[in-house]
C-alpha atoms as a PDB file:
ATOM      1  CA  MET A   1      55.419 -29.493 -35.120  1.00  0.00           C
ATOM      2  CA  ALA A   2      58.381 -31.461 -33.775  1.00  0.00           C
ATOM      3  CA  ARG A   3      58.019 -35.078 -32.886  1.00  0.00           C
ATOM      4  CA  THR A   4      60.274 -37.696 -31.367  1.00  0.00           C
ATOM      5  CA  ILE A   5      60.855 -41.063 -32.977  1.00  0.00           C
ATOM      6  CA  GLU A   6      62.453 -43.853 -31.017  1.00  0.00           C
ATOM      7  CA  VAL A   7      64.697 -46.187 -33.027  1.00  0.00           C
ATOM      8  CA  THR A   8      66.356 -49.345 -31.750  1.00  0.00           C
ATOM      9  CA  ILE A   9      69.980 -49.741 -32.818  1.00  0.00           C
ATOM     10  CA  TYR A  10      71.634 -53.156 -33.128  1.00  0.00           C
ATOM     11  CA  LYS A  11      75.135 -54.524 -33.261  1.00  0.00           C
ATOM     12  CA  PHE A  12      75.623 -56.734 -36.319  1.00  0.00           C
ATOM     13  CA  ASP A  13      75.458 -59.975 -34.310  1.00  0.00           C
ATOM     14  CA  GLU A  14      72.112 -58.894 -32.833  1.00  0.00           C
ATOM     15  CA  LEU A  15      70.458 -58.726 -36.255  1.00  0.00           C
ATOM     16  CA  ASP A  16      68.332 -61.557 -37.603  1.00  0.00           C
ATOM     17  CA  ALA A  17      70.407 -64.017 -39.679  1.00  0.00           C
ATOM     18  CA  ALA A  18      68.571 -63.128 -42.911  1.00  0.00           C
ATOM     19  CA  ILE A  19      69.199 -59.416 -42.301  1.00  0.00           C
ATOM     20  CA  GLN A  20      72.882 -60.165 -41.610  1.00  0.00           C
ATOM     21  CA  GLN A  21      73.146 -61.895 -44.976  1.00  0.00           C
ATOM     22  CA  ARG A  22      71.529 -58.900 -46.708  1.00  0.00           C
ATOM     23  CA  VAL A  23      74.017 -56.578 -44.991  1.00  0.00           C
ATOM     24  CA  ILE A  24      76.920 -58.776 -46.133  1.00  0.00           C
ATOM     25  CA  GLU A  25      75.679 -58.796 -49.748  1.00  0.00           C
ATOM     26  CA  ARG A  26      75.240 -55.009 -49.772  1.00  0.00           C
ATOM     27  CA  TRP A  27      78.687 -54.652 -48.216  1.00  0.00           C
ATOM     28  CA  ARG A  28      80.259 -56.713 -50.997  1.00  0.00           C
ATOM     29  CA  GLU A  29      78.456 -54.752 -53.706  1.00  0.00           C
ATOM     30  CA  GLY A  30      79.234 -51.296 -52.406  1.00  0.00           C
ATOM     31  CA  ASP A  31      82.627 -51.661 -50.833  1.00  0.00           C
ATOM     32  CA  GLN A  32      85.804 -51.255 -52.803  1.00  0.00           C
ATOM     33  CA  PHE A  33      88.957 -53.296 -52.286  1.00  0.00           C
ATOM     34  CA  PHE A  34      91.168 -50.761 -50.551  1.00  0.00           C
ATOM     35  CA  TRP A  35      94.506 -52.492 -51.146  1.00  0.00           C
ATOM     36  CA  ALA A  36      94.322 -52.785 -54.936  1.00  0.00           C
ATOM     37  CA  ASP A  37      96.613 -49.788 -55.382  1.00  0.00           C
ATOM     38  CA  GLU A  38      99.219 -51.277 -53.054  1.00  0.00           C
ATOM     39  CA  TRP A  39      99.198 -54.556 -54.965  1.00  0.00           C
ATOM     40  CA  ARG A  40      99.607 -52.658 -58.250  1.00  0.00           C
ATOM     41  CA  ASP A  41     102.416 -50.534 -56.782  1.00  0.00           C
ATOM     42  CA  SER A  42     104.300 -53.691 -55.732  1.00  0.00           C
ATOM     43  CA  LEU A  43     104.082 -55.013 -59.283  1.00  0.00           C
ATOM     44  CA  MET A  44     105.245 -51.719 -60.794  1.00  0.00           C
ATOM     45  CA  ALA A  45     108.181 -51.426 -58.352  1.00  0.00           C
ATOM     46  CA  PHE A  46     109.208 -55.013 -59.131  1.00  0.00           C
ATOM     47  CA  GLU A  47     109.014 -54.298 -62.852  1.00  0.00           C
ATOM     48  CA  LYS A  48     111.431 -51.371 -62.469  1.00  0.00           C
ATOM     49  CA  LEU A  49     114.099 -53.665 -60.995  1.00  0.00           C
ATOM     50  CA  ALA A  50     113.428 -56.914 -62.826  1.00  0.00           C
ATOM     51  CA  PRO A  51     114.557 -57.715 -66.367  1.00  0.00           C
ATOM     52  CA  ILE A  52     110.915 -57.766 -67.485  1.00  0.00           C
ATOM     53  CA  LYS A  53     108.275 -55.510 -68.979  1.00  0.00           C
ATOM     54  CA  VAL A  54     104.708 -56.225 -67.880  1.00  0.00           C
ATOM     55  CA  ARG A  55     102.419 -56.182 -70.915  1.00  0.00           C
ATOM     56  CA  ASP A  56      99.104 -56.790 -69.193  1.00  0.00           C
ATOM     57  CA  TRP A  57      97.594 -58.117 -66.005  1.00  0.00           C
ATOM     58  CA  SER A  58      94.212 -58.873 -64.499  1.00  0.00           C
ATOM     59  CA  VAL A  59      93.197 -60.156 -61.092  1.00  0.00           C
ATOM     60  CA  GLY A  60      89.957 -61.617 -59.850  1.00  0.00           C
ATOM     61  CA  TYR A  61      86.917 -63.646 -60.684  1.00  0.00           C
ATOM     62  CA  GLY A  62      88.716 -66.401 -62.558  1.00  0.00           C
ATOM     63  CA  ASP A  63      90.530 -63.972 -64.848  1.00  0.00           C
ATOM     64  CA  THR A  64      93.898 -63.748 -63.117  1.00  0.00           C
ATOM     65  CA  TYR A  65      97.092 -63.476 -65.149  1.00  0.00           C
ATOM     66  CA  VAL A  66     100.213 -61.437 -65.833  1.00  0.00           C
ATOM     67  CA  THR A  67     101.842 -61.334 -69.246  1.00  0.00           C
ATOM     68  CA  PHE A  68     105.342 -59.973 -69.697  1.00  0.00           C
ATOM     69  CA  ASP A  69     108.289 -59.642 -72.018  1.00  0.00           C
ATOM     70  CA  MET A  70     111.843 -60.434 -71.019  1.00  0.00           C
ATOM     71  CA  ASP A  71     115.260 -59.766 -72.508  1.00  0.00           C
ATOM     72  CA  GLU A  72     115.896 -62.840 -74.665  1.00  0.00           C
ATOM     73  CA  ASP A  73     119.639 -62.658 -73.938  1.00  0.00           C
ATOM     74  CA  ILE A  74     119.038 -63.831 -70.386  1.00  0.00           C
ATOM     75  CA  ALA A  75     115.565 -65.419 -70.456  1.00  0.00           C
ATOM     76  CA  ASP A  76     116.832 -68.941 -71.180  1.00  0.00           C
ATOM     77  CA  LEU A  77     119.741 -68.926 -68.733  1.00  0.00           C
ATOM     78  CA  SER A  78     119.330 -71.870 -66.382  1.00  0.00           C
ATOM     79  CA  GLY A  79     121.252 -73.935 -63.872  1.00  0.00           C
ATOM     80  CA  GLY A  80     124.514 -72.409 -62.698  1.00  0.00           C
ATOM     81  CA  GLU A  81     124.309 -69.533 -65.201  1.00  0.00           C
ATOM     82  CA  ALA A  82     120.863 -68.443 -63.965  1.00  0.00           C
ATOM     83  CA  HIS A  83     121.875 -68.853 -60.334  1.00  0.00           C
ATOM     84  CA  ALA A  84     125.030 -66.796 -60.902  1.00  0.00           C
ATOM     85  CA  TRP A  85     123.019 -64.094 -62.721  1.00  0.00           C
ATOM     86  CA  LEU A  86     120.560 -63.817 -59.798  1.00  0.00           C
ATOM     87  CA  ILE A  87     123.443 -63.430 -57.363  1.00  0.00           C
ATOM     88  CA  GLN A  88     125.452 -61.039 -59.560  1.00  0.00           C
ATOM     89  CA  GLU A  89     122.414 -58.825 -60.195  1.00  0.00           C
ATOM     90  CA  GLY A  90     121.589 -58.626 -56.481  1.00  0.00           C
ATOM     91  CA  TRP A  91     118.389 -60.678 -56.518  1.00  0.00           C
ATOM     92  CA  ALA A  92     119.628 -63.195 -53.950  1.00  0.00           C
ATOM     93  CA  LYS A  93     120.572 -60.408 -51.552  1.00  0.00           C
ATOM     94  CA  LEU A  94     117.295 -58.579 -52.167  1.00  0.00           C
ATOM     95  CA  ALA A  95     115.254 -61.740 -51.582  1.00  0.00           C
ATOM     96  CA  ALA A  96     117.131 -62.510 -48.373  1.00  0.00           C
ATOM     97  CA  GLY A  97     117.008 -58.944 -47.051  1.00  0.00           C
ATOM     98  CA  GLN A  98     114.332 -56.836 -45.443  1.00  0.00           C
ATOM     99  CA  ASP A  99     110.675 -57.737 -45.728  1.00  0.00           C
ATOM    100  CA  CYS A 100     108.649 -56.011 -48.456  1.00  0.00           C
ATOM    101  CA  PRO A 101     111.625 -54.252 -50.097  1.00  0.00           C
ATOM    102  CA  PHE A 102     109.854 -52.710 -53.102  1.00  0.00           C
ATOM    103  CA  THR A 103     107.022 -50.732 -51.532  1.00  0.00           C
ATOM    104  CA  GLY A 104     106.742 -51.901 -47.946  1.00  0.00           C
ATOM    105  CA  TYR A 105     103.488 -53.688 -48.788  1.00  0.00           C
ATOM    106  CA  CYS A 106     103.090 -57.451 -48.299  1.00  0.00           C
ATOM    107  CA  GLY A 107     102.547 -57.969 -52.050  1.00  0.00           C
ATOM    108  CA  ASP A 108     106.306 -57.508 -52.443  1.00  0.00           C
ATOM    109  CA  GLU A 109     106.842 -60.831 -50.701  1.00  0.00           C
ATOM    110  CA  ASN A 110     104.729 -62.751 -53.215  1.00  0.00           C
ATOM    111  CA  LEU A 111     107.030 -61.471 -55.945  1.00  0.00           C
ATOM    112  CA  LEU A 112     110.139 -62.695 -54.163  1.00  0.00           C
ATOM    113  CA  ASP A 113     109.106 -66.237 -53.246  1.00  0.00           C
ATOM    114  CA  ALA A 114     110.186 -67.769 -56.572  1.00  0.00           C
ATOM    115  CA  ILE A 115     113.499 -65.918 -56.442  1.00  0.00           C
ATOM    116  CA  ARG A 116     114.119 -67.130 -52.889  1.00  0.00           C
ATOM    117  CA  THR A 117     113.441 -70.683 -53.973  1.00  0.00           C
ATOM    118  CA  ALA A 118     115.771 -70.393 -56.955  1.00  0.00           C
ATOM    119  CA  THR A 119     118.626 -68.803 -55.007  1.00  0.00           C
ATOM    120  CA  ASN A 120     118.301 -71.103 -51.980  1.00  0.00           C
ATOM    121  CA  ASN A 121     118.379 -74.314 -54.020  1.00  0.00           C
ATOM    122  CA  PRO A 122     121.538 -75.772 -55.554  1.00  0.00           C
ATOM    123  CA  ALA A 123     122.716 -73.812 -58.590  1.00  0.00           C
ATOM    124  CA  SER A 124     122.331 -76.879 -60.793  1.00  0.00           C
ATOM    125  CA  ASP A 125     118.582 -76.977 -60.003  1.00  0.00           C
ATOM    126  CA  CYS A 126     117.948 -73.369 -61.017  1.00  0.00           C
ATOM    127  CA  PRO A 127     115.250 -73.181 -63.704  1.00  0.00           C
ATOM    128  CA  PRO A 128     115.445 -70.750 -66.629  1.00  0.00           C
ATOM    129  CA  LEU A 129     115.198 -67.103 -65.582  1.00  0.00           C
ATOM    130  CA  ARG A 130     112.030 -66.705 -67.663  1.00  0.00           C
ATOM    131  CA  ASP A 131     110.382 -69.416 -65.534  1.00  0.00           C
ATOM    132  CA  ILE A 132     111.567 -67.854 -62.278  1.00  0.00           C
ATOM    133  CA  PHE A 133     110.177 -64.439 -63.157  1.00  0.00           C
ATOM    134  CA  LYS A 134     106.962 -65.977 -64.503  1.00  0.00           C
ATOM    135  CA  GLU A 135     106.542 -67.827 -61.213  1.00  0.00           C
ATOM    136  CA  ALA A 136     107.227 -64.579 -59.323  1.00  0.00           C
ATOM    137  CA  LEU A 137     104.515 -62.765 -61.293  1.00  0.00           C
ATOM    138  CA  ASP A 138     102.104 -65.692 -60.944  1.00  0.00           C
ATOM    139  CA  GLY A 139     102.742 -65.660 -57.178  1.00  0.00           C
ATOM    140  CA  TRP A 140     101.922 -61.956 -57.064  1.00  0.00           C
ATOM    141  CA  ALA A 141      98.697 -62.479 -59.034  1.00  0.00           C
ATOM    142  CA  LYS A 142      97.617 -65.417 -56.848  1.00  0.00           C
ATOM    143  CA  GLY A 143      98.381 -63.445 -53.684  1.00  0.00           C
ATOM    144  CA  PHE A 144      96.388 -60.467 -54.950  1.00  0.00           C
ATOM    145  CA  GLU A 145      93.487 -62.741 -55.917  1.00  0.00           C
ATOM    146  CA  ALA A 146      93.524 -64.495 -52.518  1.00  0.00           C
ATOM    147  CA  ASP A 147      93.509 -61.121 -50.760  1.00  0.00           C
ATOM    148  CA  LEU A 148      90.613 -59.955 -52.942  1.00  0.00           C
ATOM    149  CA  ASP A 149      88.703 -63.191 -52.288  1.00  0.00           C
ATOM    150  CA  TYR A 150      89.215 -62.804 -48.557  1.00  0.00           C
ATOM    151  CA  TRP A 151      88.073 -59.175 -48.699  1.00  0.00           C
ATOM    152  CA  HIS A 152      84.745 -60.359 -50.098  1.00  0.00           C
ATOM    153  CA  SER A 153      84.394 -63.234 -47.624  1.00  0.00           C
ATOM    154  CA  GLU A 154      81.789 -63.210 -44.901  1.00  0.00           C
ATOM    155  CA  GLU A 155      84.562 -63.392 -42.307  1.00  0.00           C
ATOM    156  CA  ALA A 156      86.253 -60.233 -43.609  1.00  0.00           C
ATOM    157  CA  VAL A 157      82.976 -58.312 -43.843  1.00  0.00           C
ATOM    158  CA  ARG A 158      82.151 -59.257 -40.262  1.00  0.00           C
ATOM    159  CA  GLU A 159      85.653 -58.228 -39.123  1.00  0.00           C
ATOM    160  CA  ASP A 160      85.333 -54.863 -40.878  1.00  0.00           C
ATOM    161  CA  ILE A 161      81.933 -54.194 -39.330  1.00  0.00           C
ATOM    162  CA  ASP A 162      83.165 -55.185 -35.887  1.00  0.00           C
ATOM    163  CA  ALA A 163      86.472 -53.288 -36.114  1.00  0.00           C
ATOM    164  CA  ASN A 164      84.659 -50.094 -37.082  1.00  0.00           C
ATOM    165  CA  GLY A 165      81.911 -50.512 -34.493  1.00  0.00           C
ATOM    166  CA  TYR A 166      79.111 -50.138 -37.036  1.00  0.00           C
ATOM    167  CA  GLU A 167      75.549 -50.342 -35.797  1.00  0.00           C
ATOM    168  CA  PHE A 168      72.326 -50.978 -37.695  1.00  0.00           C
ATOM    169  CA  ASN A 169      68.609 -50.409 -37.721  1.00  0.00           C
ATOM    170  CA  ALA A 170      66.422 -53.519 -37.567  1.00  0.00           C
ATOM    171  CA  ASN A 171      66.294 -53.663 -41.384  1.00  0.00           C
ATOM    172  CA  GLY A 172      70.122 -53.715 -41.675  1.00  0.00           C
ATOM    173  CA  THR A 173      70.613 -50.070 -42.642  1.00  0.00           C
ATOM    174  CA  LEU A 174      73.665 -48.438 -41.099  1.00  0.00           C
ATOM    175  CA  ALA A 175      72.628 -46.339 -38.137  1.00  0.00           C
END
């Protein structure tokens, strides 16, 4: 025999504060970071153009790093020689050109910040190329980690719920 059950549906902000916190925790546990592939693609596109070979990398939860190898013939160039190399090899033009030139994703910009700094400063202040590319890779890793941290923040979870118009039962289950 059929029966009718009436259920009250709530917007996230209408839920009890304790239920909201439970929803946020479940969201963090079950949701994947959707932009991880884009961050990785930026790194791989950068690696194809840069005089480096990424050996290993990890991002998140206090274990963030990038290790790489670099052609020893140019790694220690510094000052005017490093500055001239960056210009001759097109890095200054690339860094000053269009936004997100490797993949179109914002992670490209994190990779270029150190190169912009090096090419915009006086040639005599240019650090060794190894340091510039290490700083570029560190900037990418820190940007990725900050994006990942934000993704798991209460603010981001709330934004995602609101943007998608999700509604809940009184116990915090998606309706």
